[in-house]
């Protein structure tokens, strides 16, 4: 049974790099005992085989969690500002009687 034929390498790729970079690259290839074409083909194959990075999808969750925490904190700040509130003072500030003092209610005179 004959072995499958290797793909013919007939395409070329031209890149422009500074001459000192080319000389350093060629010297490294010689040290490793392979041609520049071999090194570049191996690099390209590695890039094609590497998994593509997935976009971050959790960012919006973090933003939403921070927004919720900020809203809860903003609602809690007015009631925490004066921890010694008596029931009558609380009732006076809670204008709509919903059991929560909103920022607008806290700012009222």
Protein backbone atom coordinates (compact mmCIF):
# COMPACT_ATOMS: atom_id res chain seq x y z
CA UNK A 1 0.00 0.00 0.00
CA UNK A 2 1.62 3.29 -1.05
CA UNK A 3 2.07 6.10 1.48
CA UNK A 4 -0.12 9.19 1.06
CA UNK A 5 1.58 11.98 -0.84
CA UNK A 6 2.70 15.03 1.07
CA UNK A 7 1.14 18.33 0.14
CA UNK A 8 3.25 20.28 -2.27
CA UNK A 9 4.56 23.50 -0.80
CA UNK A 10 4.06 25.81 -3.73
CA UNK A 11 2.71 28.93 -2.03
CA UNK A 12 4.97 31.66 -0.76
CA UNK A 13 4.51 34.29 1.91
CA UNK A 14 6.41 37.55 1.86
CA UNK A 15 7.02 39.39 5.11
CA UNK A 16 8.97 42.54 5.74
CA UNK A 17 11.27 42.63 8.77
CA UNK A 18 14.37 44.64 9.60
CA UNK A 19 17.59 43.16 8.22
CA UNK A 20 19.14 42.57 11.69
CA UNK A 21 16.01 40.66 12.70
CA UNK A 22 16.29 38.48 9.60
CA UNK A 23 19.96 37.77 10.30
CA UNK A 24 19.21 36.84 13.92
CA UNK A 25 16.31 34.60 12.85
CA UNK A 26 18.41 32.83 10.22
CA UNK A 27 21.21 32.28 12.75
CA UNK A 28 18.75 30.78 15.25
CA UNK A 29 17.37 28.46 12.57
CA UNK A 30 20.90 27.30 11.70
CA UNK A 31 21.60 26.65 15.42
CA UNK A 32 18.43 24.53 15.60
CA UNK A 33 19.32 22.67 12.39
CA UNK A 34 16.23 23.64 10.42
CA UNK A 35 15.40 25.97 7.59
CA UNK A 36 13.65 29.30 8.04
CA UNK A 37 10.71 27.91 6.05
CA UNK A 38 10.42 24.96 8.44
CA UNK A 39 10.43 27.29 11.45
CA UNK A 40 7.77 29.56 9.96
CA UNK A 41 5.58 26.63 8.89
CA UNK A 42 5.78 25.21 12.42
CA UNK A 43 4.81 28.59 13.86
CA UNK A 44 1.86 28.96 11.48
CA UNK A 45 0.68 25.40 12.18
CA UNK A 46 0.87 26.11 15.91
CA UNK A 47 -1.18 29.29 15.51
CA UNK A 48 -3.83 27.45 13.52
CA UNK A 49 -3.99 24.60 16.04
CA UNK A 50 -4.10 26.87 19.11
CA UNK A 51 -7.54 27.28 20.67
CA UNK A 52 -9.08 30.67 20.05
CA UNK A 53 -9.48 32.74 23.20
CA UNK A 54 -13.11 33.00 24.28
CA UNK A 55 -14.49 36.48 24.86
CA UNK A 56 -15.21 37.36 28.46
CA UNK A 57 -18.89 36.95 29.08
CA UNK A 58 -18.90 37.43 32.84
CA UNK A 59 -18.10 41.14 32.76
CA UNK A 60 -21.74 42.22 32.61
CA UNK A 61 -22.48 40.06 35.66
CA UNK A 62 -19.77 41.80 37.64
CA UNK A 63 -21.06 45.21 36.56
CA UNK A 64 -24.63 44.24 37.50
CA UNK A 65 -23.50 42.91 40.90
CA UNK A 66 -21.59 46.13 41.60
CA UNK A 67 -24.59 48.23 40.58
CA UNK A 68 -26.89 46.25 42.87
CA UNK A 69 -24.42 46.52 45.74
CA UNK A 70 -24.12 50.27 45.18
CA UNK A 71 -27.91 50.67 45.13
CA UNK A 72 -28.33 48.68 48.33
CA UNK A 73 -25.52 50.62 49.93
CA UNK A 74 -27.02 53.95 48.86
CA UNK A 75 -30.37 52.96 50.32
CA UNK A 76 -28.74 51.88 53.58
CA UNK A 77 -26.48 54.91 54.04
CA UNK A 78 -29.19 57.37 55.13
CA UNK A 79 -30.54 54.98 57.76
CA UNK A 80 -27.03 54.16 58.98
CA UNK A 81 -26.04 57.79 59.22
CA UNK A 82 -28.04 58.21 62.45
CA UNK A 83 -28.10 54.81 64.17
CA UNK A 84 -29.93 56.22 67.23
CA UNK A 85 -33.20 56.95 65.39
CA UNK A 86 -36.24 56.40 67.56
CA UNK A 87 -39.45 54.96 66.15
CA UNK A 88 -41.12 58.39 66.02
CA UNK A 89 -38.23 59.92 64.11
CA UNK A 90 -38.25 57.00 61.71
CA UNK A 91 -41.98 57.35 61.15
CA UNK A 92 -41.55 61.09 60.54
CA UNK A 93 -38.89 60.45 57.88
CA UNK A 94 -40.77 57.55 56.22
CA UNK A 95 -43.29 59.78 54.41
CA UNK A 96 -44.87 57.05 52.26
CA UNK A 97 -44.98 54.54 55.16
CA UNK A 98 -43.34 51.74 53.19
CA UNK A 99 -40.96 50.85 56.01
CA UNK A 100 -37.93 52.13 54.10
CA UNK A 101 -36.46 55.60 54.15
CA UNK A 102 -35.46 56.57 50.64
CA UNK A 103 -32.78 59.10 49.92
CA UNK A 104 -35.42 61.62 48.84
CA UNK A 105 -37.35 61.09 52.09
CA UNK A 106 -34.15 61.50 54.10
CA UNK A 107 -33.34 64.78 52.34
CA UNK A 108 -36.76 66.31 53.08
CA UNK A 109 -36.75 68.90 55.90
